[in-house]
N, C-alpha and C. Protein backbone atom coordinates (compact mmCIF):
# COMPACT_ATOMS: atom_id res chain seq x y z
N UNK A 1 -19.85 41.53 -2.17
CA UNK A 1 -19.10 42.66 -1.63
C UNK A 1 -19.61 43.96 -2.25
N UNK A 2 -19.92 44.99 -1.41
CA UNK A 2 -20.43 46.24 -1.94
C UNK A 2 -19.30 47.07 -2.54
N UNK A 3 -19.65 48.15 -3.23
CA UNK A 3 -18.67 48.95 -3.95
C UNK A 3 -17.65 49.59 -3.01
N UNK A 4 -18.10 50.03 -1.84
CA UNK A 4 -17.18 50.66 -0.89
C UNK A 4 -16.14 49.67 -0.40
N UNK A 5 -16.58 48.45 -0.13
CA UNK A 5 -15.66 47.40 0.33
C UNK A 5 -14.66 47.04 -0.76
N UNK A 6 -15.14 46.98 -2.00
CA UNK A 6 -14.26 46.68 -3.13
C UNK A 6 -13.21 47.77 -3.31
N UNK A 7 -13.62 49.02 -3.18
CA UNK A 7 -12.70 50.14 -3.31
C UNK A 7 -11.64 50.10 -2.22
N UNK A 8 -12.08 49.82 -1.00
CA UNK A 8 -11.16 49.73 0.13
C UNK A 8 -10.14 48.61 -0.11
N UNK A 9 -10.62 47.47 -0.58
CA UNK A 9 -9.73 46.34 -0.87
C UNK A 9 -8.71 46.69 -1.93
N UNK A 10 -9.16 47.39 -3.00
CA UNK A 10 -8.27 47.79 -4.08
C UNK A 10 -7.18 48.73 -3.59
N UNK A 11 -7.56 49.70 -2.75
CA UNK A 11 -6.60 50.69 -2.25
C UNK A 11 -5.57 50.04 -1.34
N UNK A 12 -6.03 49.19 -0.42
CA UNK A 12 -5.12 48.50 0.50
C UNK A 12 -4.16 47.61 -0.28
N UNK A 13 -4.70 46.88 -1.25
CA UNK A 13 -3.88 45.97 -2.05
C UNK A 13 -2.82 46.74 -2.83
N UNK A 14 -3.22 47.85 -3.46
CA UNK A 14 -2.29 48.65 -4.25
C UNK A 14 -1.16 49.20 -3.39
N UNK A 15 -1.51 49.69 -2.21
CA UNK A 15 -0.48 50.21 -1.29
C UNK A 15 0.53 49.11 -0.93
N UNK A 16 0.03 47.91 -0.69
CA UNK A 16 0.89 46.81 -0.28
C UNK A 16 1.78 46.31 -1.42
N UNK A 17 1.23 46.16 -2.63
CA UNK A 17 2.09 45.63 -3.69
C UNK A 17 3.04 46.67 -4.25
N UNK A 18 2.65 47.94 -4.27
CA UNK A 18 3.60 48.97 -4.72
C UNK A 18 4.74 49.13 -3.70
N UNK A 19 4.40 49.00 -2.43
CA UNK A 19 5.41 49.16 -1.39
C UNK A 19 6.45 48.04 -1.44
N UNK A 20 6.01 46.78 -1.46
CA UNK A 20 6.97 45.67 -1.43
C UNK A 20 7.78 45.63 -2.73
N UNK A 21 7.19 46.06 -3.83
CA UNK A 21 7.94 46.16 -5.08
C UNK A 21 9.04 47.22 -4.96
N UNK A 22 8.71 48.33 -4.32
CA UNK A 22 9.68 49.40 -4.09
C UNK A 22 10.81 48.91 -3.18
N UNK A 23 10.47 48.13 -2.17
CA UNK A 23 11.48 47.58 -1.25
C UNK A 23 12.50 46.76 -2.03
N UNK A 24 12.03 45.89 -2.89
CA UNK A 24 12.94 45.03 -3.67
C UNK A 24 13.79 45.87 -4.63
N UNK A 25 13.21 46.89 -5.23
CA UNK A 25 13.94 47.71 -6.20
C UNK A 25 15.04 48.54 -5.53
N UNK A 26 14.88 48.83 -4.24
CA UNK A 26 15.87 49.66 -3.53
C UNK A 26 16.79 48.83 -2.65
N UNK A 27 16.63 47.52 -2.65
CA UNK A 27 17.40 46.67 -1.75
C UNK A 27 18.36 45.76 -2.50
N UNK A 28 19.34 45.26 -1.79
CA UNK A 28 20.24 44.26 -2.35
C UNK A 28 19.63 42.89 -2.04
N UNK A 29 19.18 42.21 -3.08
CA UNK A 29 18.51 40.92 -2.92
C UNK A 29 19.43 39.81 -3.43
N UNK A 30 19.83 38.93 -2.54
CA UNK A 30 20.71 37.82 -2.91
C UNK A 30 19.92 36.51 -2.90
N UNK A 31 20.04 35.76 -3.99
CA UNK A 31 19.34 34.49 -4.14
C UNK A 31 20.36 33.37 -4.20
N UNK A 32 20.11 32.28 -3.48
CA UNK A 32 21.07 31.17 -3.46
C UNK A 32 20.35 29.84 -3.34
N UNK A 33 21.11 28.76 -3.48
CA UNK A 33 20.54 27.42 -3.35
C UNK A 33 20.08 26.84 -4.67
N UNK A 34 19.05 26.03 -4.62
CA UNK A 34 18.57 25.28 -5.79
C UNK A 34 17.63 26.13 -6.65
N UNK A 35 18.15 27.24 -7.15
CA UNK A 35 17.33 28.18 -7.92
C UNK A 35 16.78 27.57 -9.20
N UNK A 36 17.50 26.59 -9.74
CA UNK A 36 17.05 25.97 -11.00
C UNK A 36 15.71 25.26 -10.83
N UNK A 37 15.37 24.84 -9.62
CA UNK A 37 14.10 24.17 -9.37
C UNK A 37 12.91 25.10 -9.61
N UNK A 38 13.14 26.39 -9.52
CA UNK A 38 12.04 27.35 -9.62
C UNK A 38 11.82 27.86 -11.04
N UNK A 39 12.67 27.44 -11.95
CA UNK A 39 12.49 27.86 -13.33
C UNK A 39 11.24 27.22 -13.93
N UNK A 40 10.52 28.00 -14.72
CA UNK A 40 9.28 27.51 -15.34
C UNK A 40 9.52 26.27 -16.18
N UNK A 41 10.70 26.20 -16.80
CA UNK A 41 11.01 25.08 -17.69
C UNK A 41 11.43 23.81 -16.95
N UNK A 42 11.65 23.89 -15.65
CA UNK A 42 12.10 22.70 -14.92
C UNK A 42 11.02 21.62 -14.99
N UNK A 43 11.41 20.37 -15.29
CA UNK A 43 10.40 19.31 -15.49
C UNK A 43 9.60 18.95 -14.24
N UNK A 44 10.21 19.11 -13.07
CA UNK A 44 9.50 18.79 -11.82
C UNK A 44 8.82 20.04 -11.27
N UNK A 45 7.66 19.85 -10.68
CA UNK A 45 6.96 20.94 -10.01
C UNK A 45 6.89 20.62 -8.52
N UNK A 46 7.07 21.65 -7.70
CA UNK A 46 7.24 21.47 -6.26
C UNK A 46 6.14 22.18 -5.48
N UNK A 47 6.12 21.86 -4.17
CA UNK A 47 5.33 22.63 -3.23
C UNK A 47 6.32 23.42 -2.38
N UNK A 48 6.27 24.74 -2.50
CA UNK A 48 7.19 25.60 -1.77
C UNK A 48 6.66 25.87 -0.37
N UNK A 49 7.49 25.61 0.64
CA UNK A 49 7.11 25.83 2.02
C UNK A 49 7.69 27.16 2.51
N UNK A 50 6.84 28.03 3.04
CA UNK A 50 7.29 29.27 3.66
C UNK A 50 6.53 29.45 4.98
N UNK A 51 7.06 30.30 5.85
CA UNK A 51 6.35 30.65 7.08
C UNK A 51 5.38 31.79 6.79
N UNK A 52 4.25 31.77 7.46
CA UNK A 52 3.22 32.79 7.26
C UNK A 52 3.76 34.20 7.57
N UNK A 53 4.57 34.30 8.59
CA UNK A 53 5.11 35.60 8.98
C UNK A 53 6.08 36.19 7.97
N UNK A 54 6.62 35.36 7.09
CA UNK A 54 7.55 35.82 6.05
C UNK A 54 6.86 36.05 4.71
N UNK A 55 5.59 35.69 4.60
CA UNK A 55 4.93 35.62 3.30
C UNK A 55 4.96 36.94 2.53
N UNK A 56 4.74 38.05 3.21
CA UNK A 56 4.72 39.35 2.52
C UNK A 56 6.08 39.68 1.90
N UNK A 57 7.14 39.22 2.56
CA UNK A 57 8.50 39.52 2.10
C UNK A 57 8.87 38.80 0.80
N UNK A 58 8.14 37.76 0.46
CA UNK A 58 8.49 36.93 -0.71
C UNK A 58 7.87 37.41 -2.02
N UNK A 59 6.84 38.24 -1.99
CA UNK A 59 6.04 38.48 -3.19
C UNK A 59 6.82 38.78 -4.47
N UNK A 60 7.77 39.70 -4.49
CA UNK A 60 8.45 40.00 -5.77
C UNK A 60 9.51 38.97 -6.16
N UNK A 61 9.79 38.00 -5.30
CA UNK A 61 10.90 37.07 -5.50
C UNK A 61 10.82 36.35 -6.84
N UNK A 62 9.64 35.87 -7.20
CA UNK A 62 9.47 35.10 -8.44
C UNK A 62 8.57 35.84 -9.43
N UNK A 63 8.65 37.15 -9.40
CA UNK A 63 7.83 37.98 -10.27
C UNK A 63 7.95 37.55 -11.73
N UNK A 64 6.80 37.30 -12.35
CA UNK A 64 6.79 36.93 -13.76
C UNK A 64 6.85 35.43 -14.02
N UNK A 65 7.14 34.64 -12.98
CA UNK A 65 7.20 33.18 -13.17
C UNK A 65 5.84 32.57 -12.84
N UNK A 66 5.60 31.39 -13.40
CA UNK A 66 4.33 30.71 -13.14
C UNK A 66 4.34 30.14 -11.73
N UNK A 67 3.35 30.53 -10.97
CA UNK A 67 3.30 30.15 -9.56
C UNK A 67 1.85 30.14 -9.10
N UNK A 68 1.49 29.15 -8.31
CA UNK A 68 0.15 29.07 -7.74
C UNK A 68 0.18 29.52 -6.28
N UNK A 69 -0.67 30.47 -5.94
CA UNK A 69 -0.81 30.96 -4.57
C UNK A 69 -2.18 30.53 -4.06
N UNK A 70 -2.20 29.97 -2.87
CA UNK A 70 -3.47 29.52 -2.28
C UNK A 70 -3.93 30.50 -1.21
N UNK A 71 -5.18 30.91 -1.29
CA UNK A 71 -5.76 31.74 -0.25
C UNK A 71 -7.24 31.38 -0.10
N UNK A 72 -7.86 31.94 0.91
CA UNK A 72 -9.26 31.62 1.19
C UNK A 72 -10.18 32.67 0.58
N UNK A 73 -11.48 32.41 0.65
CA UNK A 73 -12.47 33.28 0.02
C UNK A 73 -13.00 34.36 0.96
N UNK A 74 -12.21 34.71 1.97
CA UNK A 74 -12.64 35.78 2.88
C UNK A 74 -12.04 37.11 2.44
N UNK A 75 -12.24 38.17 3.23
CA UNK A 75 -11.77 39.51 2.86
C UNK A 75 -10.25 39.55 2.77
N UNK A 76 -9.57 38.93 3.71
CA UNK A 76 -8.11 38.93 3.69
C UNK A 76 -7.60 38.23 2.43
N UNK A 77 -8.32 37.17 2.04
CA UNK A 77 -7.95 36.46 0.83
C UNK A 77 -8.07 37.32 -0.41
N UNK A 78 -9.00 38.28 -0.39
CA UNK A 78 -9.15 39.19 -1.52
C UNK A 78 -7.93 40.07 -1.71
N UNK A 79 -7.36 40.55 -0.62
CA UNK A 79 -6.15 41.38 -0.69
C UNK A 79 -4.98 40.55 -1.18
N UNK A 80 -4.82 39.35 -0.64
CA UNK A 80 -3.73 38.46 -1.06
C UNK A 80 -3.86 38.14 -2.54
N UNK A 81 -5.08 37.93 -3.00
CA UNK A 81 -5.33 37.62 -4.41
C UNK A 81 -4.88 38.77 -5.31
N UNK A 82 -5.20 39.98 -4.94
CA UNK A 82 -4.83 41.14 -5.76
C UNK A 82 -3.31 41.34 -5.79
N UNK A 83 -2.65 41.18 -4.64
CA UNK A 83 -1.20 41.33 -4.59
C UNK A 83 -0.54 40.27 -5.47
N UNK A 84 -1.01 39.04 -5.35
CA UNK A 84 -0.44 37.94 -6.12
C UNK A 84 -0.59 38.16 -7.62
N UNK A 85 -1.75 38.60 -8.04
CA UNK A 85 -1.99 38.83 -9.47
C UNK A 85 -1.13 39.96 -10.00
N UNK A 86 -0.84 40.96 -9.18
CA UNK A 86 0.03 42.06 -9.60
C UNK A 86 1.41 41.53 -10.00
N UNK A 87 1.88 40.52 -9.28
CA UNK A 87 3.20 39.97 -9.56
C UNK A 87 3.17 38.82 -10.57
N UNK A 88 1.99 38.56 -11.12
CA UNK A 88 1.88 37.58 -12.20
C UNK A 88 1.60 36.17 -11.75
N UNK A 89 1.19 35.98 -10.49
CA UNK A 89 0.93 34.64 -9.99
C UNK A 89 -0.54 34.25 -10.19
N UNK A 90 -0.77 32.97 -10.26
CA UNK A 90 -2.13 32.45 -10.40
C UNK A 90 -2.68 32.16 -9.00
N UNK A 91 -3.88 32.62 -8.74
CA UNK A 91 -4.47 32.51 -7.40
C UNK A 91 -5.54 31.43 -7.37
N UNK A 92 -5.46 30.59 -6.35
CA UNK A 92 -6.48 29.56 -6.13
C UNK A 92 -7.19 29.88 -4.82
N UNK A 93 -8.43 30.30 -4.93
CA UNK A 93 -9.19 30.67 -3.73
C UNK A 93 -10.11 29.53 -3.34
N UNK A 94 -9.86 29.00 -2.18
CA UNK A 94 -10.64 27.88 -1.66
C UNK A 94 -11.53 28.33 -0.52
N UNK A 95 -12.56 27.54 -0.20
CA UNK A 95 -13.36 27.86 0.99
C UNK A 95 -12.49 27.81 2.23
N UNK A 96 -12.99 28.40 3.31
CA UNK A 96 -12.27 28.35 4.58
C UNK A 96 -11.89 26.91 4.87
N UNK A 97 -10.62 26.66 5.15
CA UNK A 97 -10.14 25.29 5.33
C UNK A 97 -10.86 24.57 6.45
N UNK A 98 -11.31 25.31 7.43
CA UNK A 98 -11.99 24.68 8.55
C UNK A 98 -13.40 24.25 8.19
N UNK A 99 -13.90 24.77 7.07
CA UNK A 99 -15.29 24.52 6.76
C UNK A 99 -15.53 23.56 5.63
N UNK A 100 -14.48 23.01 5.05
CA UNK A 100 -14.68 22.14 3.90
C UNK A 100 -13.65 21.02 3.94
N UNK A 101 -14.10 19.81 4.24
CA UNK A 101 -13.18 18.68 4.36
C UNK A 101 -12.61 18.21 3.05
N UNK A 102 -13.12 18.69 1.93
CA UNK A 102 -12.64 18.24 0.62
C UNK A 102 -11.60 19.17 0.02
N UNK A 103 -11.08 20.13 0.79
CA UNK A 103 -10.20 21.14 0.21
C UNK A 103 -8.91 20.55 -0.33
N UNK A 104 -8.42 19.47 0.27
CA UNK A 104 -7.17 18.87 -0.22
C UNK A 104 -7.37 18.32 -1.63
N UNK A 105 -8.50 17.65 -1.84
CA UNK A 105 -8.77 17.08 -3.16
C UNK A 105 -9.05 18.17 -4.18
N UNK A 106 -9.73 19.24 -3.75
CA UNK A 106 -9.97 20.37 -4.65
C UNK A 106 -8.65 20.97 -5.11
N UNK A 107 -7.75 21.18 -4.17
CA UNK A 107 -6.47 21.79 -4.47
C UNK A 107 -5.61 20.89 -5.34
N UNK A 108 -5.61 19.60 -5.02
CA UNK A 108 -4.83 18.64 -5.82
C UNK A 108 -5.29 18.66 -7.28
N UNK A 109 -6.60 18.64 -7.48
CA UNK A 109 -7.13 18.65 -8.85
C UNK A 109 -6.78 19.94 -9.59
N UNK A 110 -6.83 21.06 -8.87
CA UNK A 110 -6.55 22.34 -9.51
C UNK A 110 -5.09 22.46 -9.93
N UNK A 111 -4.17 22.07 -9.05
CA UNK A 111 -2.75 22.26 -9.41
C UNK A 111 -2.30 21.26 -10.47
N UNK A 112 -2.94 20.11 -10.54
CA UNK A 112 -2.53 19.11 -11.52
C UNK A 112 -3.17 19.33 -12.89
N UNK A 113 -4.29 20.06 -12.91
CA UNK A 113 -5.00 20.24 -14.17
C UNK A 113 -4.88 21.65 -14.73
N UNK A 114 -4.70 22.64 -13.86
CA UNK A 114 -4.82 24.02 -14.31
C UNK A 114 -3.62 24.49 -15.11
N UNK A 115 -2.45 24.58 -14.50
CA UNK A 115 -1.31 25.11 -15.25
C UNK A 115 0.02 24.44 -14.89
N UNK A 116 -0.04 23.41 -14.06
CA UNK A 116 1.15 22.64 -13.73
C UNK A 116 2.32 23.52 -13.29
N UNK A 117 2.06 24.44 -12.38
CA UNK A 117 3.08 25.34 -11.87
C UNK A 117 3.41 24.97 -10.42
N UNK A 118 4.49 25.54 -9.89
CA UNK A 118 4.82 25.34 -8.50
C UNK A 118 3.74 25.94 -7.61
N UNK A 119 3.56 25.34 -6.45
CA UNK A 119 2.54 25.77 -5.50
C UNK A 119 3.22 26.30 -4.24
N UNK A 120 2.75 27.43 -3.73
CA UNK A 120 3.30 28.01 -2.50
C UNK A 120 2.30 27.84 -1.36
N UNK A 121 2.79 27.33 -0.22
CA UNK A 121 1.95 27.18 0.97
C UNK A 121 2.63 27.83 2.17
N UNK A 122 1.85 28.64 2.90
CA UNK A 122 2.31 29.12 4.21
C UNK A 122 1.97 28.01 5.20
N UNK A 123 2.99 27.25 5.57
CA UNK A 123 2.73 25.95 6.19
C UNK A 123 2.30 26.01 7.65
N UNK A 124 2.38 27.19 8.27
CA UNK A 124 1.88 27.32 9.64
C UNK A 124 0.56 28.10 9.68
N UNK A 125 0.03 28.41 8.51
CA UNK A 125 -1.23 29.16 8.45
C UNK A 125 -2.44 28.24 8.41
N UNK A 126 -3.66 28.82 8.42
CA UNK A 126 -3.89 30.25 8.41
C UNK A 126 -3.90 30.91 9.79
N UNK A 127 -3.88 30.12 10.86
CA UNK A 127 -4.02 30.73 12.20
C UNK A 127 -2.99 30.24 13.21
N UNK A 128 -1.92 29.57 12.73
CA UNK A 128 -0.86 29.17 13.64
C UNK A 128 -1.11 27.85 14.34
N UNK A 129 -0.29 27.56 15.35
CA UNK A 129 0.79 28.34 15.95
C UNK A 129 1.91 28.66 14.96
N UNK A 130 2.62 29.75 15.24
CA UNK A 130 3.67 30.21 14.35
C UNK A 130 4.80 29.20 14.26
N UNK A 131 5.30 29.00 13.03
CA UNK A 131 6.47 28.17 12.74
C UNK A 131 6.30 26.72 13.21
N UNK A 132 5.06 26.25 13.09
CA UNK A 132 4.75 24.84 13.30
C UNK A 132 4.06 24.32 12.03
N UNK A 133 4.70 23.39 11.35
CA UNK A 133 4.19 22.89 10.07
C UNK A 133 2.90 22.10 10.29
N UNK A 134 1.87 22.46 9.54
CA UNK A 134 0.58 21.78 9.64
C UNK A 134 0.59 20.49 8.81
N UNK A 135 -0.18 19.51 9.26
CA UNK A 135 -0.28 18.25 8.52
C UNK A 135 -0.78 18.47 7.10
N UNK A 136 -1.67 19.45 6.93
CA UNK A 136 -2.27 19.71 5.62
C UNK A 136 -1.20 19.86 4.54
N UNK A 137 -0.14 20.60 4.83
CA UNK A 137 0.89 20.86 3.83
C UNK A 137 1.60 19.57 3.40
N UNK A 138 1.85 18.69 4.36
CA UNK A 138 2.53 17.43 4.06
C UNK A 138 1.61 16.45 3.35
N UNK A 139 0.34 16.43 3.75
CA UNK A 139 -0.64 15.58 3.08
C UNK A 139 -0.82 16.03 1.64
N UNK A 140 -0.80 17.34 1.44
CA UNK A 140 -0.92 17.88 0.08
C UNK A 140 0.24 17.42 -0.79
N UNK A 141 1.45 17.43 -0.24
CA UNK A 141 2.62 16.96 -0.98
C UNK A 141 2.52 15.47 -1.29
N UNK A 142 2.03 14.71 -0.33
CA UNK A 142 1.89 13.27 -0.52
C UNK A 142 0.86 12.94 -1.59
N UNK A 143 -0.31 13.56 -1.51
CA UNK A 143 -1.39 13.27 -2.44
C UNK A 143 -1.09 13.77 -3.85
N UNK A 144 -0.40 14.88 -3.97
CA UNK A 144 -0.10 15.43 -5.29
C UNK A 144 1.17 14.84 -5.89
N UNK A 145 1.90 14.03 -5.08
CA UNK A 145 3.15 13.40 -5.50
C UNK A 145 4.20 14.42 -5.91
N UNK A 146 4.22 15.52 -5.18
CA UNK A 146 5.21 16.57 -5.42
C UNK A 146 6.21 16.63 -4.27
N UNK A 147 7.45 16.96 -4.60
CA UNK A 147 8.45 17.15 -3.56
C UNK A 147 8.24 18.50 -2.88
N UNK A 148 8.73 18.57 -1.65
CA UNK A 148 8.67 19.81 -0.87
C UNK A 148 9.96 20.59 -1.08
N UNK A 149 9.83 21.90 -1.25
CA UNK A 149 10.99 22.77 -1.43
C UNK A 149 10.91 23.88 -0.38
N UNK A 150 11.63 23.74 0.74
CA UNK A 150 11.58 24.77 1.79
C UNK A 150 12.37 26.01 1.38
N UNK A 151 11.78 27.17 1.60
CA UNK A 151 12.46 28.44 1.35
C UNK A 151 12.77 29.12 2.68
N UNK A 152 13.89 29.81 2.71
CA UNK A 152 14.23 30.61 3.89
C UNK A 152 14.58 32.02 3.44
N UNK A 153 14.24 32.98 4.27
CA UNK A 153 14.50 34.39 3.94
C UNK A 153 15.04 35.10 5.16
N UNK A 154 16.04 35.93 4.94
CA UNK A 154 16.61 36.75 6.00
C UNK A 154 16.54 38.20 5.56
N UNK A 155 15.80 39.00 6.30
CA UNK A 155 15.63 40.42 6.01
C UNK A 155 16.36 41.21 7.09
N UNK A 156 17.34 42.00 6.68
CA UNK A 156 18.17 42.69 7.67
C UNK A 156 17.39 43.70 8.50
N UNK A 157 16.52 44.48 7.84
CA UNK A 157 15.75 45.50 8.55
C UNK A 157 14.26 45.31 8.26
N UNK A 158 13.49 45.11 9.30
CA UNK A 158 12.05 44.91 9.11
C UNK A 158 11.30 45.34 10.37
N UNK A 159 10.01 45.54 10.19
CA UNK A 159 9.11 45.81 11.32
C UNK A 159 8.27 44.56 11.53
N UNK A 160 8.18 44.09 12.77
CA UNK A 160 7.37 42.92 13.09
C UNK A 160 6.06 43.37 13.73
N UNK A 161 4.97 42.85 13.19
CA UNK A 161 3.65 43.16 13.74
C UNK A 161 3.36 42.19 14.88
N UNK A 162 3.76 42.56 16.08
CA UNK A 162 3.70 41.64 17.22
C UNK A 162 2.30 41.44 17.77
N UNK A 163 1.33 42.21 17.23
CA UNK A 163 -0.05 41.99 17.64
C UNK A 163 -0.70 40.86 16.85
N UNK A 164 0.03 40.34 15.86
CA UNK A 164 -0.45 39.21 15.06
C UNK A 164 0.17 37.91 15.54
N UNK A 165 -0.54 36.81 15.35
CA UNK A 165 -0.02 35.51 15.80
C UNK A 165 1.27 35.11 15.08
N UNK A 166 1.44 35.59 13.82
CA UNK A 166 2.59 35.17 13.02
C UNK A 166 3.75 36.17 13.06
N UNK A 167 3.59 37.28 13.82
CA UNK A 167 4.62 38.33 13.86
C UNK A 167 5.03 38.75 12.45
N UNK A 168 4.05 39.02 11.62
CA UNK A 168 4.30 39.34 10.21
C UNK A 168 5.40 40.39 10.05
N UNK A 169 6.36 40.10 9.16
CA UNK A 169 7.48 41.01 8.92
C UNK A 169 7.15 41.94 7.75
N UNK A 170 7.41 43.23 7.95
CA UNK A 170 7.29 44.22 6.90
C UNK A 170 8.70 44.73 6.60
N UNK A 171 9.32 44.31 5.48
CA UNK A 171 10.68 44.75 5.16
C UNK A 171 10.73 46.26 4.90
N UNK A 172 11.84 46.86 5.25
CA UNK A 172 12.04 48.28 5.01
C UNK A 172 12.81 48.49 3.70
N UNK A 173 12.64 49.65 3.08
CA UNK A 173 13.39 49.93 1.84
C UNK A 173 14.90 50.03 2.10
N UNK A 174 15.68 50.00 1.03
CA UNK A 174 17.14 50.12 1.09
C UNK A 174 17.71 49.09 2.07
N UNK A 175 17.36 47.85 1.81
CA UNK A 175 17.58 46.75 2.73
C UNK A 175 18.57 45.75 2.15
N UNK A 176 18.81 44.70 2.90
CA UNK A 176 19.54 43.54 2.40
C UNK A 176 18.68 42.31 2.67
N UNK A 177 18.34 41.61 1.59
CA UNK A 177 17.45 40.45 1.69
C UNK A 177 18.15 39.23 1.10
N UNK A 178 18.23 38.17 1.89
CA UNK A 178 18.83 36.92 1.42
C UNK A 178 17.75 35.84 1.36
N UNK A 179 17.60 35.21 0.20
CA UNK A 179 16.61 34.15 0.02
C UNK A 179 17.34 32.89 -0.42
N UNK A 180 17.05 31.79 0.24
CA UNK A 180 17.69 30.52 -0.11
C UNK A 180 16.65 29.47 -0.44
N UNK A 181 16.89 28.77 -1.55
CA UNK A 181 16.06 27.62 -1.94
C UNK A 181 16.79 26.37 -1.46
N UNK A 182 16.24 25.68 -0.51
CA UNK A 182 16.92 24.55 0.12
C UNK A 182 16.69 23.24 -0.63
N UNK A 183 17.36 22.19 -0.19
CA UNK A 183 17.19 20.88 -0.81
C UNK A 183 15.74 20.41 -0.68
N UNK A 184 15.33 19.59 -1.61
CA UNK A 184 13.95 19.11 -1.63
C UNK A 184 13.76 17.88 -0.74
N UNK A 185 12.51 17.66 -0.37
CA UNK A 185 12.13 16.50 0.45
C UNK A 185 10.95 15.79 -0.21
N UNK A 186 10.97 14.48 -0.15
CA UNK A 186 9.85 13.69 -0.67
C UNK A 186 9.07 13.10 0.50
N UNK A 187 7.75 13.21 0.45
CA UNK A 187 6.89 12.65 1.48
C UNK A 187 6.47 11.25 1.06
N UNK A 188 6.71 10.28 1.92
CA UNK A 188 6.34 8.89 1.66
C UNK A 188 5.16 8.49 2.53
N UNK A 189 4.51 7.39 2.15
CA UNK A 189 3.34 6.92 2.91
C UNK A 189 3.69 6.58 4.35
N UNK A 190 4.91 6.06 4.56
CA UNK A 190 5.30 5.70 5.92
C UNK A 190 5.46 6.91 6.83
N UNK A 191 5.70 8.08 6.22
CA UNK A 191 5.80 9.31 7.03
C UNK A 191 4.47 9.62 7.70
N UNK A 192 3.38 9.30 7.00
CA UNK A 192 2.06 9.57 7.55
C UNK A 192 1.76 8.68 8.76
N UNK A 193 2.33 7.48 8.75
CA UNK A 193 2.09 6.54 9.85
C UNK A 193 2.62 7.07 11.17
N UNK A 194 3.67 7.87 11.11
CA UNK A 194 4.22 8.47 12.34
C UNK A 194 3.81 9.93 12.48
N UNK A 195 2.72 10.30 11.76
CA UNK A 195 2.16 11.65 11.80
C UNK A 195 3.18 12.70 11.36
N UNK A 196 4.06 12.31 10.46
CA UNK A 196 5.04 13.21 9.85
C UNK A 196 6.03 13.81 10.85
N UNK A 197 6.16 13.24 12.02
CA UNK A 197 6.98 13.87 13.07
C UNK A 197 8.43 14.06 12.66
N UNK A 198 9.06 13.02 12.10
CA UNK A 198 10.47 13.11 11.71
C UNK A 198 10.66 14.12 10.59
N UNK A 199 9.79 14.05 9.58
CA UNK A 199 9.90 14.96 8.44
C UNK A 199 9.65 16.41 8.87
N UNK A 200 8.67 16.61 9.73
CA UNK A 200 8.40 17.96 10.23
C UNK A 200 9.63 18.53 10.94
N UNK A 201 10.25 17.70 11.76
CA UNK A 201 11.43 18.16 12.52
C UNK A 201 12.57 18.53 11.58
N UNK A 202 12.80 17.72 10.55
CA UNK A 202 13.89 17.99 9.61
C UNK A 202 13.65 19.28 8.82
N UNK A 203 12.45 19.42 8.31
CA UNK A 203 12.13 20.60 7.50
C UNK A 203 12.11 21.86 8.37
N UNK A 204 11.55 21.77 9.56
CA UNK A 204 11.52 22.91 10.46
C UNK A 204 12.93 23.39 10.80
N UNK A 205 13.83 22.45 11.04
CA UNK A 205 15.22 22.80 11.35
C UNK A 205 15.84 23.61 10.20
N UNK A 206 15.57 23.18 8.97
CA UNK A 206 16.10 23.88 7.80
C UNK A 206 15.48 25.28 7.68
N UNK A 207 14.17 25.38 7.89
CA UNK A 207 13.48 26.63 7.70
C UNK A 207 13.78 27.65 8.80
N UNK A 208 14.28 27.18 9.92
CA UNK A 208 14.63 28.08 11.02
C UNK A 208 16.11 28.40 11.09
N UNK A 209 16.88 27.77 10.20
CA UNK A 209 18.34 27.97 10.24
C UNK A 209 18.74 29.29 9.57
């Protein structure tokens, strides 16, 4: 990446992380559900499921806690990496998922060896369809032997980028934001035999409620 591209990435990233931090500081943020699961000291580590369109709204939620964020090695991944690091999260940059069949094993090894923190996945990413859980996320939970922890967020006032496949939400300042940590789910080998259909339906229902 040349110097001009790096500067552009830094400026865009700074604008995005200062803005969402300001949104949280000026908004009423209510947290509910199984919050104890997200504490660094909790003995179990989870895979947190979120929708891609909600991802920007979550950044300050666990500020300062140990958390693994997964992104790709493209330009967009560079911005996500900088935002994540600003909030104290550890970033795992993998090759484009479509171009490397070993990415599940790479990711499993990294999360189990690196810092044993919770892992966040945008489960309908990177290219959709929106709010449809990909097999990758469930296979990752199965192979890593981690439970799934679905998160839901309700932002009272936001702008939706309807030109994007995920309708990315940009929360407005002086807002009301409700975040819920839902009950956990365990992926079993028999779930894979039915292509995770039942489990996908159950988790999707929770994440859309």
